[in-house]
Amino acid sequence: MRAECLRYLCDPNTRQPLELTQGVVRNPESGARYAIRDGIPIFLNDVVGSNRKYQAMYDRLAPGYDIAERLYKWIFRKPDHRLEYISELVIKPGARVLEVSVGTGANVPYFQKDVEFFGIDLSWGMLAKCKRNITSWHQDAQLFQGEAERLPFCDAVFR
């Protein structure tokens, strides 16, 4: 995580500002600490219910997810509509974009290079694959592990 991204983050539980200290993201008010693993802040506590089920499932699927998706499209002759729907978004140059459930990052190459891209996902396996993909595509993105129900971003960061 780039240190300048800290100004966009808040504690997903209390909405209070965070600081970067001793290799963790910390809420100075409550003392809550969020680890950073391979440059990706982890904003998860106890994952329960369907989030827990899907987190485990996507962690298992992550290593072969991209290959399986390409194979599915090839076998069933399914077109890739990513460029079509991303081009319909009104994204100004230099905008900040958040993709919730970023998965393996398959949408990242379709965004303009000047877009500040943020991705969050529940699955560590998908995020690890996303990070490898982004690096191999020579793209840039800020990645976070967390739940869509409790986003760790300040209000009005993404417009």
Foldseek 3Di string as FASTA:
>chain_A
DDQVCQVFFAQLVPRHRWHDDPQWIARPVPGDTWHADPQATENDDDDDDVLVVVQVVLLVCLVCVVVVVVVVCVVVVNDDCLLVVVVVDDDDFQAEDEDEQCFLVPNQVSDDQRYAYEYEYQHPSRVVNNVVVCVVVVGDYHYYYDDPVRDGGHPPNHD
